[in-house]
PDB file of N, CA and C in Angstrom:
ATOM      1  N   MET A   1      93.364  84.364 102.390  1.00  0.00           N
ATOM      2  CA  MET A   1      93.957  85.277 103.347  1.00  0.00           C
ATOM      3  C   MET A   1      95.000  84.494 104.149  1.00  0.00           C
ATOM      4  N   PHE A   2      95.162  84.829 105.374  1.00  0.00           N
ATOM      5  CA  PHE A   2      96.140  84.176 106.226  1.00  0.00           C
ATOM      6  C   PHE A   2      95.424  83.230 107.186  1.00  0.00           C
ATOM      7  N   TYR A   3      96.044  82.101 107.421  1.00  0.00           N
ATOM      8  CA  TYR A   3      95.525  81.225 108.455  1.00  0.00           C
ATOM      9  C   TYR A   3      96.612  81.050 109.495  1.00  0.00           C
ATOM     10  N   CYS A   4      96.343  81.539 110.664  1.00  0.00           N
ATOM     11  CA  CYS A   4      97.288  81.408 111.765  1.00  0.00           C
ATOM     12  C   CYS A   4      96.524  81.004 113.007  1.00  0.00           C
ATOM     13  N   ASN A   5      97.176  80.288 113.854  1.00  0.00           N
ATOM     14  CA  ASN A   5      96.558  79.865 115.100  1.00  0.00           C
ATOM     15  C   ASN A   5      96.948  80.862 116.186  1.00  0.00           C
ATOM     16  N   PHE A   6      96.097  81.851 116.407  1.00  0.00           N
ATOM     17  CA  PHE A   6      96.398  82.899 117.375  1.00  0.00           C
ATOM     18  C   PHE A   6      96.011  82.453 118.772  1.00  0.00           C
ATOM     19  N   LYS A   7      96.831  82.862 119.721  1.00  0.00           N
ATOM     20  CA  LYS A   7      96.547  82.522 121.112  1.00  0.00           C
ATOM     21  C   LYS A   7      95.559  83.500 121.734  1.00  0.00           C
ATOM     22  N   SER A   8      95.502  84.695 121.205  1.00  0.00           N
ATOM     23  CA  SER A   8      94.597  85.696 121.758  1.00  0.00           C
ATOM     24  C   SER A   8      94.164  86.667 120.668  1.00  0.00           C
ATOM     25  N   SER A   9      93.117  87.402 120.949  1.00  0.00           N
ATOM     26  CA  SER A   9      92.659  88.407 119.981  1.00  0.00           C
ATOM     27  C   SER A   9      93.681  89.533 119.863  1.00  0.00           C
ATOM     28  N   LYS A  10      94.420  89.796 120.939  1.00  0.00           N
ATOM     29  CA  LYS A  10      95.466  90.820 120.892  1.00  0.00           C
ATOM     30  C   LYS A  10      96.575  90.402 119.918  1.00  0.00           C
ATOM     31  N   GLU A  11      96.930  89.126 119.946  1.00  0.00           N
ATOM     32  CA  GLU A  11      97.943  88.601 119.046  1.00  0.00           C
ATOM     33  C   GLU A  11      97.457  88.679 117.595  1.00  0.00           C
ATOM     34  N   LYS A  12      96.200  88.355 117.380  1.00  0.00           N
ATOM     35  CA  LYS A  12      95.614  88.429 116.042  1.00  0.00           C
ATOM     36  C   LYS A  12      95.612  89.871 115.539  1.00  0.00           C
ATOM     37  N   LYS A  13      95.204  90.800 116.380  1.00  0.00           N
ATOM     38  CA  LYS A  13      95.175  92.216 116.003  1.00  0.00           C
ATOM     39  C   LYS A  13      96.581  92.692 115.648  1.00  0.00           C
ATOM     40  N   SER A  14      97.556  92.323 116.449  1.00  0.00           N
ATOM     41  CA  SER A  14      98.941  92.724 116.214  1.00  0.00           C
ATOM     42  C   SER A  14      99.450  92.176 114.883  1.00  0.00           C
ATOM     43  N   PHE A  15      99.112  90.926 114.596  1.00  0.00           N
ATOM     44  CA  PHE A  15      99.525  90.302 113.339  1.00  0.00           C
ATOM     45  C   PHE A  15      98.988  91.088 112.151  1.00  0.00           C
ATOM     46  N   TYR A  16      97.699  91.384 112.154  1.00  0.00           N
ATOM     47  CA  TYR A  16      97.095  92.091 111.028  1.00  0.00           C
ATOM     48  C   TYR A  16      97.561  93.544 110.928  1.00  0.00           C
ATOM     49  N   GLN A  17      97.845  94.157 112.063  1.00  0.00           N
ATOM     50  CA  GLN A  17      98.398  95.514 112.027  1.00  0.00           C
ATOM     51  C   GLN A  17      99.782  95.510 111.379  1.00  0.00           C
ATOM     52  N   ASN A  18     100.584  94.518 111.704  1.00  0.00           N
ATOM     53  CA  ASN A  18     101.921  94.425 111.108  1.00  0.00           C
ATOM     54  C   ASN A  18     101.854  94.150 109.616  1.00  0.00           C
ATOM     55  N   LYS A  19     100.920  93.299 109.193  1.00  0.00           N
ATOM     56  CA  LYS A  19     100.745  93.036 107.764  1.00  0.00           C
ATOM     57  C   LYS A  19     100.305  94.300 107.038  1.00  0.00           C
ATOM     58  N   LYS A  20      99.403  95.060 107.645  1.00  0.00           N
ATOM     59  CA  LYS A  20      98.943  96.316 107.043  1.00  0.00           C
ATOM     60  C   LYS A  20     100.102  97.307 106.943  1.00  0.00           C
ATOM     61  N   LEU A  21     100.918  97.385 107.979  1.00  0.00           N
ATOM     62  CA  LEU A  21     102.078  98.275 107.976  1.00  0.00           C
ATOM     63  C   LEU A  21     103.053  97.897 106.865  1.00  0.00           C
ATOM     64  N   GLU A  22     103.298  96.605 106.690  1.00  0.00           N
ATOM     65  CA  GLU A  22     104.174  96.150 105.607  1.00  0.00           C
ATOM     66  C   GLU A  22     103.623  96.574 104.245  1.00  0.00           C
ATOM     67  N   MET A  23     102.323  96.401 104.058  1.00  0.00           N
ATOM     68  CA  MET A  23     101.695  96.750 102.788  1.00  0.00           C
ATOM     69  C   MET A  23     101.792  98.254 102.534  1.00  0.00           C
ATOM     70  N   LEU A  24     101.512  99.064 103.545  1.00  0.00           N
ATOM     71  CA  LEU A  24     101.568 100.515 103.386  1.00  0.00           C
ATOM     72  C   LEU A  24     102.992 100.990 103.110  1.00  0.00           C
ATOM     73  N   ASN A  25     103.978 100.385 103.756  1.00  0.00           N
ATOM     74  CA  ASN A  25     105.375 100.746 103.487  1.00  0.00           C
ATOM     75  C   ASN A  25     105.774 100.375 102.061  1.00  0.00           C
ATOM     76  N   PHE A  26     105.265  99.248 101.576  1.00  0.00           N
ATOM     77  CA  PHE A  26     105.535  98.849 100.195  1.00  0.00           C
ATOM     78  C   PHE A  26     104.942  99.874  99.223  1.00  0.00           C
ATOM     79  N   ILE A  27     103.710 100.280  99.476  1.00  0.00           N
ATOM     80  CA  ILE A  27     103.050 101.281  98.622  1.00  0.00           C
ATOM     81  C   ILE A  27     103.816 102.596  98.663  1.00  0.00           C
ATOM     82  N   LYS A  28     104.232 103.003  99.853  1.00  0.00           N
ATOM     83  CA  LYS A  28     104.984 104.248 100.018  1.00  0.00           C
ATOM     84  C   LYS A  28     106.291 104.207  99.232  1.00  0.00           C
ATOM     85  N   ASP A  29     107.021 103.100  99.337  1.00  0.00           N
ATOM     86  CA  ASP A  29     108.283 102.955  98.601  1.00  0.00           C
ATOM     87  C   ASP A  29     108.050 103.038  97.095  1.00  0.00           C
ATOM     88  N   SER A  30     106.988 102.400  96.636  1.00  0.00           N
ATOM     89  CA  SER A  30     106.659 102.430  95.207  1.00  0.00           C
ATOM     90  C   SER A  30     106.356 103.853  94.749  1.00  0.00           C
ATOM     91  N   LEU A  31     105.582 104.574  95.539  1.00  0.00           N
ATOM     92  CA  LEU A  31     105.240 105.953  95.180  1.00  0.00           C
ATOM     93  C   LEU A  31     106.464 106.858  95.209  1.00  0.00           C
ATOM     94  N   GLU A  32     107.345 106.658  96.177  1.00  0.00           N
ATOM     95  CA  GLU A  32     108.564 107.470  96.253  1.00  0.00           C
ATOM     96  C   GLU A  32     109.431 107.249  95.019  1.00  0.00           C
ATOM     97  N   THR A  33     109.495 106.012  94.539  1.00  0.00           N
ATOM     98  CA  THR A  33     110.262 105.708  93.332  1.00  0.00           C
ATOM     99  C   THR A  33     109.665 106.435  92.132  1.00  0.00           C
ATOM    100  N   LYS A  34     108.345 106.406  92.034  1.00  0.00           N
ATOM    101  CA  LYS A  34     107.675 107.080  90.917  1.00  0.00           C
ATOM    102  C   LYS A  34     107.866 108.593  90.987  1.00  0.00           C
ATOM    103  N   ILE A  35     107.795 109.160  92.182  1.00  0.00           N
ATOM    104  CA  ILE A  35     108.000 110.606  92.350  1.00  0.00           C
ATOM    105  C   ILE A  35     109.419 110.984  91.941  1.00  0.00           C
ATOM    106  N   ALA A  36     110.402 110.173  92.337  1.00  0.00           N
ATOM    107  CA  ALA A  36     111.793 110.450  91.968  1.00  0.00           C
ATOM    108  C   ALA A  36     111.966 110.418  90.457  1.00  0.00           C
ATOM    109  N   SER A  37     111.305 109.493  89.809  1.00  0.00           N
ATOM    110  CA  SER A  37     111.385 109.389  88.355  1.00  0.00           C
ATOM    111  C   SER A  37     110.774 110.613  87.678  1.00  0.00           C
ATOM    112  N   VAL A  38     109.615 111.032  88.144  1.00  0.00           N
ATOM    113  CA  VAL A  38     108.950 112.205  87.567  1.00  0.00           C
ATOM    114  C   VAL A  38     109.782 113.457  87.817  1.00  0.00           C
ATOM    115  N   THR A  39     110.337 113.591  89.002  1.00  0.00           N
ATOM    116  CA  THR A  39     111.169 114.743  89.337  1.00  0.00           C
ATOM    117  C   THR A  39     112.388 114.816  88.421  1.00  0.00           C
ATOM    118  N   ALA A  40     113.023 113.674  88.198  1.00  0.00           N
ATOM    119  CA  ALA A  40     114.182 113.642  87.302  1.00  0.00           C
ATOM    120  C   ALA A  40     113.786 114.022  85.883  1.00  0.00           C
ATOM    121  N   SER A  41     112.646 113.542  85.414  1.00  0.00           N
ATOM    122  CA  SER A  41     112.173 113.879  84.073  1.00  0.00           C
ATOM    123  C   SER A  41     111.894 115.368  83.943  1.00  0.00           C
ATOM    124  N   ILE A  42     111.320 115.962  84.972  1.00  0.00           N
ATOM    125  CA  ILE A  42     111.044 117.404  84.970  1.00  0.00           C
ATOM    126  C   ILE A  42     112.354 118.178  84.888  1.00  0.00           C
ATOM    127  N   GLU A  43     113.337 117.772  85.675  1.00  0.00           N
ATOM    128  CA  GLU A  43     114.626 118.472  85.670  1.00  0.00           C
ATOM    129  C   GLU A  43     115.296 118.392  84.299  1.00  0.00           C
ATOM    130  N   VAL A  44     115.266 117.229  83.687  1.00  0.00           N
ATOM    131  CA  VAL A  44     115.870 117.074  82.366  1.00  0.00           C
ATOM    132  C   VAL A  44     115.147 117.967  81.360  1.00  0.00           C
ATOM    133  N   LEU A  45     113.836 117.970  81.391  1.00  0.00           N
ATOM    134  CA  LEU A  45     113.061 118.790  80.459  1.00  0.00           C
ATOM    135  C   LEU A  45     113.316 120.276  80.683  1.00  0.00           C
ATOM    136  N   GLU A  46     113.386 120.699  81.937  1.00  0.00           N
ATOM    137  CA  GLU A  46     113.677 122.104  82.228  1.00  0.00           C
ATOM    138  C   GLU A  46     115.061 122.488  81.713  1.00  0.00           C
ATOM    139  N   ASN A  47     116.032 121.586  81.887  1.00  0.00           N
ATOM    140  CA  ASN A  47     117.389 121.850  81.388  1.00  0.00           C
ATOM    141  C   ASN A  47     117.401 121.957  79.871  1.00  0.00           C
ATOM    142  N   GLN A  48     116.662 121.107  79.193  1.00  0.00           N
ATOM    143  CA  GLN A  48     116.587 121.146  77.741  1.00  0.00           C
ATOM    144  C   GLN A  48     115.944 122.460  77.270  1.00  0.00           C
ATOM    145  N   ILE A  49     114.883 122.873  77.938  1.00  0.00           N
ATOM    146  CA  ILE A  49     114.209 124.127  77.584  1.00  0.00           C
ATOM    147  C   ILE A  49     115.148 125.306  77.779  1.00  0.00           C
ATOM    148  N   GLU A  50     115.854 125.316  78.907  1.00  0.00           N
ATOM    149  CA  GLU A  50     116.794 126.412  79.188  1.00  0.00           C
ATOM    150  C   GLU A  50     117.932 126.427  78.177  1.00  0.00           C
ATOM    151  N   ARG A  51     118.445 125.274  77.814  1.00  0.00           N
ATOM    152  CA  ARG A  51     119.535 125.160  76.858  1.00  0.00           C
ATOM    153  C   ARG A  51     119.114 125.655  75.477  1.00  0.00           C
ATOM    154  N   ASP A  52     117.875 125.396  75.099  1.00  0.00           N
ATOM    155  CA  ASP A  52     117.382 125.753  73.767  1.00  0.00           C
ATOM    156  C   ASP A  52     116.975 127.212  73.626  1.00  0.00           C
ATOM    157  N   LYS A  53     117.009 127.981  74.705  1.00  0.00           N
ATOM    158  CA  LYS A  53     116.625 129.403  74.626  1.00  0.00           C
ATOM    159  C   LYS A  53     117.670 130.206  73.873  1.00  0.00           C
TER     160      LYS A  53
END
């Protein structure tokens, strides 16, 4: 894990909250990328279906 020399428990709590926030933002960005990819694939498939009618 992390080893830091914290001056107070408040500082330690803040550090871990910021690390958690970074991790959650990373996960969110990854999911948004995947959603955009799926959305684009759906649009292409819908266009192909409409074109082939």
